[in-house]
Amino acid sequence: MCQNFRVTTQKRAPGDDPSHTPIRRFRAPDDLWEAYGSVCRRVLRRERSEDLVQHMLATVRERGDAEELEKLTRAEAELAERRSRKGGRPRAS
C-alpha cells in the first residue's frame, strides 16, 4: 500500500479575487484520491469536489451549533450566487 501522501490542487485562483472559491488543500494517499474520484464519477455521477462540498454541508447541518449554522447559511448563499453566475446549479445527483 502506498504510504506517500501529497497535497493535490488543480488550479490556483488569485487569493484576493472574490469571484473565485479559495483552493483548500489536504493530504490523501494517491490511490485513495484516484479511487474516490472514480467512485464519484461512476456511482454518484459527480466530481469529487461536488461530493466533498455536499458532505461538508450535511455534516454542518447535522452537527453544527448556532454559530456554525449561521456560517452555513452564509456559505449556502455564496454557493447559490456563484452557481447563478455559472448558469445554474450543478447537475442533480
PDB file of N, CA and C in Angstrom:
ATOM      1  N   MET A   1       0.840  -1.180   0.000  1.00  0.00           N
ATOM      2  CA  MET A   1       0.000   0.000   0.000  1.00  0.00           C
ATOM      3  C   MET A   1       0.880   1.237   0.000  1.00  0.00           C
ATOM      4  N   CYS A   2       0.453   2.236  -0.709  1.00  0.00           N
ATOM      5  CA  CYS A   2       1.199   3.480  -0.821  1.00  0.00           C
ATOM      6  C   CYS A   2       1.176   4.242   0.499  1.00  0.00           C
ATOM      7  N   GLN A   3       2.336   4.558   1.037  1.00  0.00           N
ATOM      8  CA  GLN A   3       2.408   5.317   2.279  1.00  0.00           C
ATOM      9  C   GLN A   3       2.731   6.785   2.024  1.00  0.00           C
ATOM     10  N   ASN A   4       2.929   7.151   0.770  1.00  0.00           N
ATOM     11  CA  ASN A   4       3.228   8.541   0.446  1.00  0.00           C
ATOM     12  C   ASN A   4       1.956   9.356   0.417  1.00  0.00           C
ATOM     13  N   PHE A   5       2.029  10.541   0.964  1.00  0.00           N
ATOM     14  CA  PHE A   5       0.911  11.463   0.955  1.00  0.00           C
ATOM     15  C   PHE A   5       1.348  12.692   0.179  1.00  0.00           C
ATOM     16  N   ARG A   6       0.404  13.314  -0.509  1.00  0.00           N
ATOM     17  CA  ARG A   6       0.746  14.543  -1.207  1.00  0.00           C
ATOM     18  C   ARG A   6      -0.442  15.471  -1.184  1.00  0.00           C
ATOM     19  N   VAL A   7      -0.173  16.718  -1.383  1.00  0.00           N
ATOM     20  CA  VAL A   7      -1.214  17.724  -1.483  1.00  0.00           C
ATOM     21  C   VAL A   7      -1.597  17.831  -2.953  1.00  0.00           C
ATOM     22  N   THR A   8      -2.881  17.801  -3.234  1.00  0.00           N
ATOM     23  CA  THR A   8      -3.348  17.863  -4.612  1.00  0.00           C
ATOM     24  C   THR A   8      -4.149  19.135  -4.823  1.00  0.00           C
ATOM     25  N   THR A   9      -3.772  19.904  -5.825  1.00  0.00           N
ATOM     26  CA  THR A   9      -4.563  21.064  -6.236  1.00  0.00           C
ATOM     27  C   THR A   9      -4.686  21.032  -7.741  1.00  0.00           C
ATOM     28  N   GLN A  10      -5.737  21.637  -8.262  1.00  0.00           N
ATOM     29  CA  GLN A  10      -5.932  21.632  -9.698  1.00  0.00           C
ATOM     30  C   GLN A  10      -5.696  22.987 -10.330  1.00  0.00           C
ATOM     31  N   LYS A  11      -5.894  24.059  -9.578  1.00  0.00           N
ATOM     32  CA  LYS A  11      -5.670  25.386 -10.129  1.00  0.00           C
ATOM     33  C   LYS A  11      -5.392  26.336  -8.990  1.00  0.00           C
ATOM     34  N   ARG A  12      -4.862  27.440  -9.304  1.00  0.00           N
ATOM     35  CA  ARG A  12      -4.603  28.457  -8.299  1.00  0.00           C
ATOM     36  C   ARG A  12      -5.386  29.707  -8.679  1.00  0.00           C
ATOM     37  N   ALA A  13      -6.326  30.076  -7.844  1.00  0.00           N
ATOM     38  CA  ALA A  13      -7.095  31.290  -8.055  1.00  0.00           C
ATOM     39  C   ALA A  13      -6.418  32.419  -7.285  1.00  0.00           C
ATOM     40  N   PRO A  14      -6.472  33.619  -7.813  1.00  0.00           N
ATOM     41  CA  PRO A  14      -5.903  34.745  -7.077  1.00  0.00           C
ATOM     42  C   PRO A  14      -6.555  34.843  -5.698  1.00  0.00           C
ATOM     43  N   GLY A  15      -5.752  34.962  -4.656  1.00  0.00           N
ATOM     44  CA  GLY A  15      -6.258  34.974  -3.299  1.00  0.00           C
ATOM     45  C   GLY A  15      -7.190  36.117  -2.979  1.00  0.00           C
ATOM     46  N   ASP A  16      -7.042  37.236  -3.668  1.00  0.00           N
ATOM     47  CA  ASP A  16      -7.872  38.393  -3.357  1.00  0.00           C
ATOM     48  C   ASP A  16      -9.044  38.559  -4.322  1.00  0.00           C
ATOM     49  N   ASP A  17      -9.300  37.592  -5.164  1.00  0.00           N
ATOM     50  CA  ASP A  17     -10.379  37.678  -6.144  1.00  0.00           C
ATOM     51  C   ASP A  17     -11.638  37.035  -5.574  1.00  0.00           C
ATOM     52  N   PRO A  18     -12.664  37.830  -5.219  1.00  0.00           N
ATOM     53  CA  PRO A  18     -13.866  37.265  -4.601  1.00  0.00           C
ATOM     54  C   PRO A  18     -14.714  36.422  -5.556  1.00  0.00           C
ATOM     55  N   SER A  19     -14.402  36.435  -6.846  1.00  0.00           N
ATOM     56  CA  SER A  19     -15.178  35.626  -7.782  1.00  0.00           C
ATOM     57  C   SER A  19     -14.680  34.187  -7.855  1.00  0.00           C
ATOM     58  N   HIS A  20     -13.609  33.881  -7.159  1.00  0.00           N
ATOM     59  CA  HIS A  20     -13.068  32.523  -7.134  1.00  0.00           C
ATOM     60  C   HIS A  20     -13.206  31.923  -5.743  1.00  0.00           C
ATOM     61  N   THR A  21     -13.580  30.666  -5.695  1.00  0.00           N
ATOM     62  CA  THR A  21     -13.617  29.944  -4.429  1.00  0.00           C
ATOM     63  C   THR A  21     -12.179  29.609  -4.050  1.00  0.00           C
ATOM     64  N   PRO A  22     -11.789  29.854  -2.806  1.00  0.00           N
ATOM     65  CA  PRO A  22     -10.413  29.531  -2.405  1.00  0.00           C
ATOM     66  C   PRO A  22     -10.127  28.041  -2.545  1.00  0.00           C
ATOM     67  N   ILE A  23      -8.917  27.722  -2.924  1.00  0.00           N
ATOM     68  CA  ILE A  23      -8.465  26.335  -3.011  1.00  0.00           C
ATOM     69  C   ILE A  23      -8.144  25.861  -1.598  1.00  0.00           C
ATOM     70  N   ARG A  24      -8.666  24.717  -1.233  1.00  0.00           N
ATOM     71  CA  ARG A  24      -8.375  24.101   0.064  1.00  0.00           C
ATOM     72  C   ARG A  24      -7.497  22.892  -0.200  1.00  0.00           C
ATOM     73  N   ARG A  25      -6.437  22.761   0.551  1.00  0.00           N
ATOM     74  CA  ARG A  25      -5.524  21.648   0.333  1.00  0.00           C
ATOM     75  C   ARG A  25      -5.565  20.705   1.516  1.00  0.00           C
ATOM     76  N   PHE A  26      -5.514  19.419   1.231  1.00  0.00           N
ATOM     77  CA  PHE A  26      -5.408  18.419   2.283  1.00  0.00           C
ATOM     78  C   PHE A  26      -4.658  17.226   1.723  1.00  0.00           C
ATOM     79  N   ARG A  27      -4.239  16.368   2.593  1.00  0.00           N
ATOM     80  CA  ARG A  27      -3.428  15.222   2.186  1.00  0.00           C
ATOM     81  C   ARG A  27      -4.273  13.966   2.109  1.00  0.00           C
ATOM     82  N   ALA A  28      -4.025  13.193   1.075  1.00  0.00           N
ATOM     83  CA  ALA A  28      -4.671  11.893   0.898  1.00  0.00           C
ATOM     84  C   ALA A  28      -3.745  11.030   0.058  1.00  0.00           C
ATOM     85  N   PRO A  29      -3.686   9.743   0.334  1.00  0.00           N
ATOM     86  CA  PRO A  29      -2.863   8.858  -0.494  1.00  0.00           C
ATOM     87  C   PRO A  29      -3.355   8.912  -1.950  1.00  0.00           C
ATOM     88  N   ASP A  30      -2.438   8.848  -2.878  1.00  0.00           N
ATOM     89  CA  ASP A  30      -2.795   8.903  -4.297  1.00  0.00           C
ATOM     90  C   ASP A  30      -3.840   7.851  -4.666  1.00  0.00           C
ATOM     91  N   ASP A  31      -3.635   6.616  -4.195  1.00  0.00           N
ATOM     92  CA  ASP A  31      -4.577   5.547  -4.547  1.00  0.00           C
ATOM     93  C   ASP A  31      -5.979   5.845  -4.035  1.00  0.00           C
ATOM     94  N   LEU A  32      -6.086   6.392  -2.820  1.00  0.00           N
ATOM     95  CA  LEU A  32      -7.394   6.740  -2.271  1.00  0.00           C
ATOM     96  C   LEU A  32      -8.029   7.863  -3.080  1.00  0.00           C
ATOM     97  N   TRP A  33      -7.255   8.893  -3.427  1.00  0.00           N
ATOM     98  CA  TRP A  33      -7.760  10.030  -4.200  1.00  0.00           C
ATOM     99  C   TRP A  33      -8.274   9.568  -5.561  1.00  0.00           C
ATOM    100  N   GLU A  34      -7.516   8.700  -6.211  1.00  0.00           N
ATOM    101  CA  GLU A  34      -7.925   8.198  -7.527  1.00  0.00           C
ATOM    102  C   GLU A  34      -9.157   7.305  -7.425  1.00  0.00           C
ATOM    103  N   ALA A  35      -9.195   6.416  -6.434  1.00  0.00           N
ATOM    104  CA  ALA A  35     -10.353   5.537  -6.259  1.00  0.00           C
ATOM    105  C   ALA A  35     -11.600   6.352  -5.918  1.00  0.00           C
ATOM    106  N   TYR A  36     -11.458   7.339  -5.056  1.00  0.00           N
ATOM    107  CA  TYR A  36     -12.582   8.201  -4.685  1.00  0.00           C
ATOM    108  C   TYR A  36     -13.121   8.949  -5.905  1.00  0.00           C
ATOM    109  N   GLY A  37     -12.234   9.486  -6.723  1.00  0.00           N
ATOM    110  CA  GLY A  37     -12.655  10.173  -7.943  1.00  0.00           C
ATOM    111  C   GLY A  37     -13.407   9.246  -8.882  1.00  0.00           C
ATOM    112  N   SER A  38     -12.922   8.025  -9.005  1.00  0.00           N
ATOM    113  CA  SER A  38     -13.564   7.043  -9.875  1.00  0.00           C
ATOM    114  C   SER A  38     -14.961   6.687  -9.365  1.00  0.00           C
ATOM    115  N   VAL A  39     -15.083   6.457  -8.056  1.00  0.00           N
ATOM    116  CA  VAL A  39     -16.390   6.132  -7.470  1.00  0.00           C
ATOM    117  C   VAL A  39     -17.353   7.305  -7.626  1.00  0.00           C
ATOM    118  N   CYS A  40     -16.875   8.507  -7.384  1.00  0.00           N
ATOM    119  CA  CYS A  40     -17.739   9.687  -7.535  1.00  0.00           C
ATOM    120  C   CYS A  40     -18.285   9.785  -8.957  1.00  0.00           C
ATOM    121  N   ARG A  41     -17.415   9.616  -9.948  1.00  0.00           N
ATOM    122  CA  ARG A  41     -17.863   9.713 -11.348  1.00  0.00           C
ATOM    123  C   ARG A  41     -18.789   8.564 -11.717  1.00  0.00           C
ATOM    124  N   ARG A  42     -18.414   7.338 -11.359  1.00  0.00           N
ATOM    125  CA  ARG A  42     -19.160   6.154 -11.783  1.00  0.00           C
ATOM    126  C   ARG A  42     -20.480   5.990 -11.036  1.00  0.00           C
ATOM    127  N   VAL A  43     -20.459   6.142  -9.725  1.00  0.00           N
ATOM    128  CA  VAL A  43     -21.637   5.853  -8.907  1.00  0.00           C
ATOM    129  C   VAL A  43     -22.480   7.105  -8.659  1.00  0.00           C
ATOM    130  N   LEU A  44     -21.828   8.174  -8.276  1.00  0.00           N
ATOM    131  CA  LEU A  44     -22.548   9.391  -7.891  1.00  0.00           C
ATOM    132  C   LEU A  44     -22.785  10.352  -9.048  1.00  0.00           C
ATOM    133  N   ARG A  45     -22.074  10.129 -10.153  1.00  0.00           N
ATOM    134  CA  ARG A  45     -22.198  10.976 -11.346  1.00  0.00           C
ATOM    135  C   ARG A  45     -21.886  12.447 -11.037  1.00  0.00           C
ATOM    136  N   ARG A  46     -20.853  12.631 -10.216  1.00  0.00           N
ATOM    137  CA  ARG A  46     -20.395  13.988  -9.920  1.00  0.00           C
ATOM    138  C   ARG A  46     -18.905  13.958  -9.621  1.00  0.00           C
ATOM    139  N   GLU A  47     -18.321  15.118  -9.583  1.00  0.00           N
ATOM    140  CA  GLU A  47     -16.894  15.241  -9.311  1.00  0.00           C
ATOM    141  C   GLU A  47     -16.633  15.151  -7.809  1.00  0.00           C
ATOM    142  N   ARG A  48     -15.392  14.850  -7.470  1.00  0.00           N
ATOM    143  CA  ARG A  48     -15.002  14.772  -6.058  1.00  0.00           C
ATOM    144  C   ARG A  48     -15.359  16.042  -5.303  1.00  0.00           C
ATOM    145  N   SER A  49     -15.054  17.192  -5.888  1.00  0.00           N
ATOM    146  CA  SER A  49     -15.297  18.452  -5.180  1.00  0.00           C
ATOM    147  C   SER A  49     -16.777  18.627  -4.857  1.00  0.00           C
ATOM    148  N   GLU A  50     -17.659  18.260  -5.788  1.00  0.00           N
ATOM    149  CA  GLU A  50     -19.098  18.348  -5.516  1.00  0.00           C
ATOM    150  C   GLU A  50     -19.471  17.458  -4.341  1.00  0.00           C
ATOM    151  N   ASP A  51     -18.933  16.241  -4.316  1.00  0.00           N
ATOM    152  CA  ASP A  51     -19.257  15.303  -3.251  1.00  0.00           C
ATOM    153  C   ASP A  51     -18.712  15.785  -1.917  1.00  0.00           C
ATOM    154  N   LEU A  52     -17.498  16.300  -1.918  1.00  0.00           N
ATOM    155  CA  LEU A  52     -16.911  16.804  -0.683  1.00  0.00           C
ATOM    156  C   LEU A  52     -17.716  17.976  -0.124  1.00  0.00           C
ATOM    157  N   VAL A  53     -18.134  18.899  -0.984  1.00  0.00           N
ATOM    158  CA  VAL A  53     -18.931  20.039  -0.527  1.00  0.00           C
ATOM    159  C   VAL A  53     -20.264  19.558   0.038  1.00  0.00           C
ATOM    160  N   GLN A  54     -20.913  18.603  -0.632  1.00  0.00           N
ATOM    161  CA  GLN A  54     -22.180  18.078  -0.125  1.00  0.00           C
ATOM    162  C   GLN A  54     -21.996  17.411   1.235  1.00  0.00           C
ATOM    163  N   HIS A  55     -20.907  16.691   1.396  1.00  0.00           N
ATOM    164  CA  HIS A  55     -20.613  16.055   2.685  1.00  0.00           C
ATOM    165  C   HIS A  55     -20.411  17.116   3.766  1.00  0.00           C
ATOM    166  N   MET A  56     -19.675  18.169   3.455  1.00  0.00           N
ATOM    167  CA  MET A  56     -19.425  19.235   4.423  1.00  0.00           C
ATOM    168  C   MET A  56     -20.729  19.927   4.817  1.00  0.00           C
ATOM    169  N   LEU A  57     -21.574  20.226   3.839  1.00  0.00           N
ATOM    170  CA  LEU A  57     -22.858  20.864   4.131  1.00  0.00           C
ATOM    171  C   LEU A  57     -23.708  19.984   5.049  1.00  0.00           C
ATOM    172  N   ALA A  58     -23.784  18.709   4.736  1.00  0.00           N
ATOM    173  CA  ALA A  58     -24.590  17.782   5.528  1.00  0.00           C
ATOM    174  C   ALA A  58     -24.047  17.654   6.952  1.00  0.00           C
ATOM    175  N   THR A  59     -22.743  17.617   7.103  1.00  0.00           N
ATOM    176  CA  THR A  59     -22.139  17.488   8.418  1.00  0.00           C
ATOM    177  C   THR A  59     -22.443  18.706   9.287  1.00  0.00           C
ATOM    178  N   VAL A  60     -22.312  19.893   8.715  1.00  0.00           N
ATOM    179  CA  VAL A  60     -22.594  21.106   9.489  1.00  0.00           C
ATOM    180  C   VAL A  60     -24.088  21.189   9.812  1.00  0.00           C
ATOM    181  N   ARG A  61     -24.955  20.845   8.851  1.00  0.00           N
ATOM    182  CA  ARG A  61     -26.401  20.838   9.126  1.00  0.00           C
ATOM    183  C   ARG A  61     -26.737  19.913  10.294  1.00  0.00           C
ATOM    184  N   GLU A  62     -26.119  18.750  10.323  1.00  0.00           N
ATOM    185  CA  GLU A  62     -26.427  17.737  11.323  1.00  0.00           C
ATOM    186  C   GLU A  62     -25.815  18.033  12.689  1.00  0.00           C
ATOM    187  N   ARG A  63     -24.617  18.576  12.703  1.00  0.00           N
ATOM    188  CA  ARG A  63     -23.876  18.668  13.955  1.00  0.00           C
ATOM    189  C   ARG A  63     -23.487  20.091  14.370  1.00  0.00           C
ATOM    190  N   GLY A  64     -23.812  21.084  13.536  1.00  0.00           N
ATOM    191  CA  GLY A  64     -23.372  22.444  13.817  1.00  0.00           C
ATOM    192  C   GLY A  64     -24.103  23.107  14.965  1.00  0.00           C
ATOM    193  N   ASP A  65     -23.373  23.969  15.677  1.00  0.00           N
ATOM    194  CA  ASP A  65     -24.005  24.784  16.712  1.00  0.00           C
ATOM    195  C   ASP A  65     -24.564  26.047  16.050  1.00  0.00           C
ATOM    196  N   ALA A  66     -25.100  26.957  16.837  1.00  0.00           N
ATOM    197  CA  ALA A  66     -25.762  28.144  16.278  1.00  0.00           C
ATOM    198  C   ALA A  66     -24.813  28.979  15.404  1.00  0.00           C
ATOM    199  N   GLU A  67     -23.597  29.203  15.874  1.00  0.00           N
ATOM    200  CA  GLU A  67     -22.626  29.994  15.105  1.00  0.00           C
ATOM    201  C   GLU A  67     -22.257  29.294  13.797  1.00  0.00           C
ATOM    202  N   GLU A  68     -22.056  27.998  13.860  1.00  0.00           N
ATOM    203  CA  GLU A  68     -21.694  27.234  12.662  1.00  0.00           C
ATOM    204  C   GLU A  68     -22.852  27.192  11.669  1.00  0.00           C
ATOM    205  N   LEU A  69     -24.076  27.089  12.171  1.00  0.00           N
ATOM    206  CA  LEU A  69     -25.239  27.099  11.277  1.00  0.00           C
ATOM    207  C   LEU A  69     -25.416  28.467  10.620  1.00  0.00           C
ATOM    208  N   GLU A  70     -25.060  29.532  11.332  1.00  0.00           N
ATOM    209  CA  GLU A  70     -25.097  30.880  10.738  1.00  0.00           C
ATOM    210  C   GLU A  70     -24.068  30.975   9.606  1.00  0.00           C
ATOM    211  N   LYS A  71     -22.893  30.428   9.830  1.00  0.00           N
ATOM    212  CA  LYS A  71     -21.866  30.402   8.783  1.00  0.00           C
ATOM    213  C   LYS A  71     -22.336  29.554   7.602  1.00  0.00           C
ATOM    214  N   LEU A  72     -23.017  28.460   7.897  1.00  0.00           N
ATOM    215  CA  LEU A  72     -23.553  27.603   6.839  1.00  0.00           C
ATOM    216  C   LEU A  72     -24.539  28.375   5.975  1.00  0.00           C
ATOM    217  N   THR A  73     -25.395  29.160   6.594  1.00  0.00           N
ATOM    218  CA  THR A  73     -26.360  29.968   5.845  1.00  0.00           C
ATOM    219  C   THR A  73     -25.636  30.921   4.900  1.00  0.00           C
ATOM    220  N   ARG A  74     -24.582  31.574   5.393  1.00  0.00           N
ATOM    221  CA  ARG A  74     -23.810  32.490   4.532  1.00  0.00           C
ATOM    222  C   ARG A  74     -23.108  31.721   3.410  1.00  0.00           C
ATOM    223  N   ALA A  75     -22.568  30.561   3.738  1.00  0.00           N
ATOM    224  CA  ALA A  75     -21.875  29.754   2.729  1.00  0.00           C
ATOM    225  C   ALA A  75     -22.835  29.284   1.641  1.00  0.00           C
ATOM    226  N   GLU A  76     -24.030  28.858   2.048  1.00  0.00           N
ATOM    227  CA  GLU A  76     -25.019  28.411   1.057  1.00  0.00           C
ATOM    228  C   GLU A  76     -25.442  29.561   0.156  1.00  0.00           C
ATOM    229  N   ALA A  77     -25.558  30.765   0.720  1.00  0.00           N
ATOM    230  CA  ALA A  77     -25.886  31.939  -0.103  1.00  0.00           C
ATOM    231  C   ALA A  77     -24.766  32.225  -1.094  1.00  0.00           C
ATOM    232  N   GLU A  78     -23.516  32.095  -0.650  1.00  0.00           N
ATOM    233  CA  GLU A  78     -22.376  32.302  -1.548  1.00  0.00           C
ATOM    234  C   GLU A  78     -22.371  31.260  -2.667  1.00  0.00           C
ATOM    235  N   LEU A  79     -22.616  30.003  -2.309  1.00  0.00           N
ATOM    236  CA  LEU A  79     -22.669  28.946  -3.324  1.00  0.00           C
ATOM    237  C   LEU A  79     -23.776  29.220  -4.339  1.00  0.00           C
ATOM    238  N   ALA A  80     -24.936  29.636  -3.865  1.00  0.00           N
ATOM    239  CA  ALA A  80     -26.054  29.927  -4.768  1.00  0.00           C
ATOM    240  C   ALA A  80     -25.699  31.072  -5.714  1.00  0.00           C
ATOM    241  N   GLU A  81     -25.026  32.083  -5.185  1.00  0.00           N
ATOM    242  CA  GLU A  81     -24.637  33.219  -6.022  1.00  0.00           C
ATOM    243  C   GLU A  81     -23.609  32.793  -7.066  1.00  0.00           C
ATOM    244  N   ARG A  82     -22.645  31.992  -6.670  1.00  0.00           N
ATOM    245  CA  ARG A  82     -21.632  31.520  -7.622  1.00  0.00           C
ATOM    246  C   ARG A  82     -22.270  30.658  -8.707  1.00  0.00           C
ATOM    247  N   ARG A  83     -23.182  29.795  -8.317  1.00  0.00           N
ATOM    248  CA  ARG A  83     -23.846  28.921  -9.292  1.00  0.00           C
ATOM    249  C   ARG A  83     -24.689  29.730 -10.261  1.00  0.00           C
ATOM    250  N   SER A  84     -25.298  30.811  -9.785  1.00  0.00           N
ATOM    251  CA  SER A  84     -26.120  31.629 -10.680  1.00  0.00           C
ATOM    252  C   SER A  84     -25.254  32.295 -11.746  1.00  0.00           C
ATOM    253  N   ARG A  85     -24.019  32.627 -11.409  1.00  0.00           N
ATOM    254  CA  ARG A  85     -23.100  33.219 -12.395  1.00  0.00           C
ATOM    255  C   ARG A  85     -22.678  32.192 -13.425  1.00  0.00           C
ATOM    256  N   LYS A  86     -22.709  30.919 -13.066  1.00  0.00           N
ATOM    257  CA  LYS A  86     -22.280  29.863 -13.981  1.00  0.00           C
ATOM    258  C   LYS A  86     -23.448  29.284 -14.766  1.00  0.00           C
ATOM    259  N   GLY A  87     -24.632  29.860 -14.632  1.00  0.00           N
ATOM    260  CA  GLY A  87     -25.773  29.381 -15.403  1.00  0.00           C
ATOM    261  C   GLY A  87     -26.633  28.369 -14.694  1.00  0.00           C
ATOM    262  N   GLY A  88     -26.530  28.288 -13.380  1.00  0.00           N
ATOM    263  CA  GLY A  88     -27.412  27.387 -12.644  1.00  0.00           C
ATOM    264  C   GLY A  88     -26.654  26.402 -11.786  1.00  0.00           C
ATOM    265  N   ARG A  89     -27.407  25.600 -11.070  1.00  0.00           N
ATOM    266  CA  ARG A  89     -26.834  24.608 -10.171  1.00  0.00           C
ATOM    267  C   ARG A  89     -26.156  23.494 -10.962  1.00  0.00           C
ATOM    268  N   PRO A  90     -25.206  22.818 -10.317  1.00  0.00           N
ATOM    269  CA  PRO A  90     -24.622  21.639 -10.945  1.00  0.00           C
ATOM    270  C   PRO A  90     -25.700  20.563 -11.150  1.00  0.00           C
ATOM    271  N   ARG A  91     -25.423  19.627 -12.018  1.00  0.00           N
ATOM    272  CA  ARG A  91     -26.389  18.563 -12.302  1.00  0.00           C
ATOM    273  C   ARG A  91     -26.817  17.858 -11.017  1.00  0.00           C
ATOM    274  N   ALA A  92     -28.064  17.428 -10.977  1.00  0.00           N
ATOM    275  CA  ALA A  92     -28.589  16.743  -9.808  1.00  0.00           C
ATOM    276  C   ALA A  92     -27.959  15.366  -9.671  1.00  0.00           C
ATOM    277  N   SER A  93     -27.839  14.921  -8.424  1.00  0.00           N
ATOM    278  CA  SER A  93     -27.238  13.598  -8.213  1.00  0.00           C
ATOM    279  C   SER A  93     -28.293  12.528  -8.235  1.00  0.00           C
TER     280      SER A  93
END
